[in-house]
Amino acid sequence: MKVIKWLAILSFTSISIVVLYWVGFALLFSYGAGGPKRIEAYDFKTTEKNLRKELTTICSNSNYLSYKDTIDDNGFTKTLVTIQITEESNKTVYDLRLWNMGSDEITSFYLYYINSRSSDYFGWFSFEKYKKVKLFEKEIIEPLSKKFERVE
């Protein structure tokens, strides 16, 4: 009877160790597996074409804003837009993705990178990230909000 009891304890312990081992590795390898997390999201009631046109207008009317547009198609229609804000000696590059989620009236765009750094790089709270997001909102989002209705 003692042998069966010790075999049951030993087998339960070994099975628990193996399960914890695999669950631990699954958690480690799945962390960040979905790609970069967005820093901020903005939705406007307009078409993607109108939003893109207004972004180029805003950037072309400014001396320190520049706009670059490239298409990234990996089975999904998504657009990578790069906006650069150059103030005196400080150059900040923002990478956005425009999404038209099946509806032509609402276009979303997500801020993914600031100076090629994702949200994970900045950590839970970063004053540097906060300042750069506020600068982006002041220079880009506020003029867009005057032109198009923003969806909250």
Protein backbone atom coordinates (compact mmCIF):
# COMPACT_ATOMS: atom_id res chain seq x y z
CA MET A 1 0.00 0.00 0.00
CA LYS A 2 2.86 2.37 0.83
CA VAL A 3 4.43 1.69 -2.59
CA ILE A 4 1.21 2.62 -4.43
CA LYS A 5 0.88 5.76 -2.31
CA TRP A 6 4.45 6.87 -3.08
CA LEU A 7 4.06 6.02 -6.78
CA ALA A 8 0.91 8.16 -6.94
CA ILE A 9 2.67 11.09 -5.22
CA LEU A 10 5.74 10.72 -7.49
CA SER A 11 3.66 10.51 -10.68
CA PHE A 12 1.49 13.49 -9.65
CA THR A 13 4.61 15.54 -8.89
CA SER A 14 6.32 14.62 -12.17
CA ILE A 15 3.18 15.38 -14.21
CA SER A 16 2.83 18.74 -12.41
CA ILE A 17 6.46 19.63 -13.18
CA VAL A 18 6.07 18.74 -16.87
CA VAL A 19 2.82 20.75 -17.17
CA LEU A 20 4.34 23.77 -15.41
CA TYR A 21 7.41 23.51 -17.65
CA TRP A 22 5.35 23.61 -20.86
CA VAL A 23 2.94 26.26 -19.63
CA GLY A 24 5.91 28.42 -18.58
CA PHE A 25 7.52 28.16 -22.01
CA ALA A 26 4.20 28.80 -23.73
CA LEU A 27 3.79 32.01 -21.73
CA LEU A 28 7.38 33.07 -22.42
CA PHE A 29 7.18 32.52 -26.16
CA SER A 30 3.70 33.97 -26.58
CA TYR A 31 4.59 37.25 -24.84
CA GLY A 32 4.80 39.86 -27.57
CA ALA A 33 4.09 37.31 -30.29
CA GLY A 34 1.26 39.38 -31.75
CA GLY A 35 3.54 42.17 -32.89
CA PRO A 36 3.88 45.62 -31.43
CA LYS A 37 1.13 47.05 -29.30
CA ARG A 38 -0.31 50.34 -30.41
CA ILE A 39 0.55 53.42 -28.41
CA GLU A 40 -2.62 55.38 -29.24
CA ALA A 41 -5.69 54.97 -31.45
CA TYR A 42 -7.63 57.70 -33.24
CA ASP A 43 -10.92 57.32 -35.14
CA PHE A 44 -12.42 59.86 -37.51
CA LYS A 45 -15.69 59.97 -39.44
CA THR A 46 -14.23 60.21 -42.92
CA THR A 47 -12.91 58.03 -45.70
CA GLU A 48 -9.32 56.87 -45.80
CA LYS A 49 -8.71 58.88 -48.96
CA ASN A 50 -9.94 62.13 -47.36
CA LEU A 51 -7.92 61.50 -44.20
CA ARG A 52 -4.76 60.82 -46.20
CA LYS A 53 -5.36 63.97 -48.28
CA GLU A 54 -5.82 66.10 -45.16
CA LEU A 55 -2.69 64.64 -43.55
CA THR A 56 -0.63 65.60 -46.61
CA THR A 57 -2.18 69.09 -46.56
CA ILE A 58 -1.36 69.59 -42.88
CA CYS A 59 2.22 68.42 -43.38
CA SER A 60 2.79 70.45 -46.55
CA ASN A 61 1.53 73.68 -44.90
CA SER A 62 4.04 73.34 -42.06
CA ASN A 63 7.76 74.02 -42.12
CA TYR A 64 8.66 71.25 -39.70
CA LEU A 65 6.23 68.44 -40.59
CA SER A 66 6.89 65.87 -43.30
CA TYR A 67 4.66 63.06 -44.58
CA LYS A 68 5.71 59.75 -46.14
CA ASP A 69 3.30 57.09 -47.34
CA THR A 70 4.07 53.43 -48.11
CA ILE A 71 1.79 50.44 -48.73
CA ASP A 72 2.29 47.25 -46.71
CA ASP A 73 0.05 44.43 -47.98
CA ASN A 74 0.43 41.06 -46.26
CA GLY A 75 -2.99 39.66 -46.98
CA PHE A 76 -4.64 42.68 -45.35
CA THR A 77 -5.07 46.13 -46.76
CA LYS A 78 -3.10 48.32 -44.40
CA THR A 79 -1.17 51.48 -44.89
CA LEU A 80 1.93 52.59 -43.06
CA VAL A 81 2.23 56.34 -42.79
CA THR A 82 5.28 58.08 -41.41
CA ILE A 83 5.04 61.63 -40.11
CA GLN A 84 8.17 63.43 -39.00
CA ILE A 85 8.12 66.46 -36.70
CA THR A 86 11.38 68.42 -36.68
CA GLU A 87 11.67 71.10 -34.01
CA GLU A 88 14.96 72.97 -33.80
CA SER A 89 17.38 70.14 -32.94
CA ASN A 90 14.75 67.55 -32.05
CA LYS A 91 13.50 65.18 -34.77
CA THR A 92 10.63 62.84 -33.90
CA VAL A 93 9.33 60.21 -36.33
CA TYR A 94 5.84 58.74 -35.84
CA ASP A 95 4.75 55.55 -37.63
CA LEU A 96 0.99 55.11 -38.07
CA ARG A 97 -1.28 52.56 -39.67
CA LEU A 98 -4.51 53.64 -41.31
CA TRP A 99 -7.36 51.15 -41.12
CA ASN A 100 -10.69 51.29 -42.85
CA MET A 101 -12.67 48.66 -40.96
CA GLY A 102 -15.18 47.75 -43.67
CA SER A 103 -17.05 51.01 -43.26
CA ASP A 104 -16.19 53.89 -45.54
CA GLU A 105 -17.41 56.45 -43.01
CA ILE A 106 -15.00 55.65 -40.17
CA THR A 107 -11.25 55.47 -40.60
CA SER A 108 -8.96 54.57 -37.74
CA PHE A 109 -5.31 55.15 -37.45
CA TYR A 110 -3.04 53.76 -34.83
CA LEU A 111 0.22 55.18 -33.56
CA TYR A 112 2.62 52.22 -33.32
CA TYR A 113 6.14 53.63 -33.15
CA ILE A 114 7.79 56.81 -31.95
CA ASN A 115 11.37 57.06 -33.24
CA SER A 116 11.25 53.33 -34.09
CA ARG A 117 10.35 52.47 -30.48
CA SER A 118 7.18 50.59 -29.65
CA SER A 119 5.08 50.92 -26.52
CA ASP A 120 7.00 48.07 -24.87
CA TYR A 121 10.23 50.07 -25.09
CA PHE A 122 8.81 52.99 -23.13
CA GLY A 123 7.45 50.83 -20.35
CA TRP A 124 4.33 51.27 -18.28
CA PHE A 125 4.59 55.05 -17.99
CA SER A 126 7.19 57.26 -19.54
CA PHE A 127 7.24 61.04 -19.42
CA GLU A 128 9.17 61.06 -22.71
CA LYS A 129 6.43 59.01 -24.43
CA TYR A 130 3.73 61.22 -22.89
CA LYS A 131 5.39 64.40 -24.21
CA LYS A 132 5.86 62.97 -27.70
CA VAL A 133 2.24 61.73 -27.89
CA LYS A 134 0.98 65.15 -26.74
CA LEU A 135 3.15 66.85 -29.39
CA PHE A 136 1.69 64.53 -32.04
CA GLU A 137 -1.84 65.25 -30.88
CA LYS A 138 -1.21 69.00 -30.90
CA GLU A 139 0.35 69.05 -34.38
CA ILE A 140 -1.72 66.39 -36.19
CA ILE A 141 -4.84 65.35 -34.26
CA GLU A 142 -6.12 68.83 -33.38
CA PRO A 143 -6.05 70.08 -37.01
CA LEU A 144 -7.71 66.83 -38.14
CA SER A 145 -10.35 67.20 -35.43
CA LYS A 146 -11.23 70.64 -36.79
CA LYS A 147 -11.76 69.19 -40.25
CA PHE A 148 -13.37 65.80 -39.41
CA GLU A 149 -15.56 64.61 -36.57
CA ARG A 150 -13.64 62.42 -34.16
CA VAL A 151 -15.18 59.17 -32.88
CA GLU A 152 -14.48 58.51 -29.22
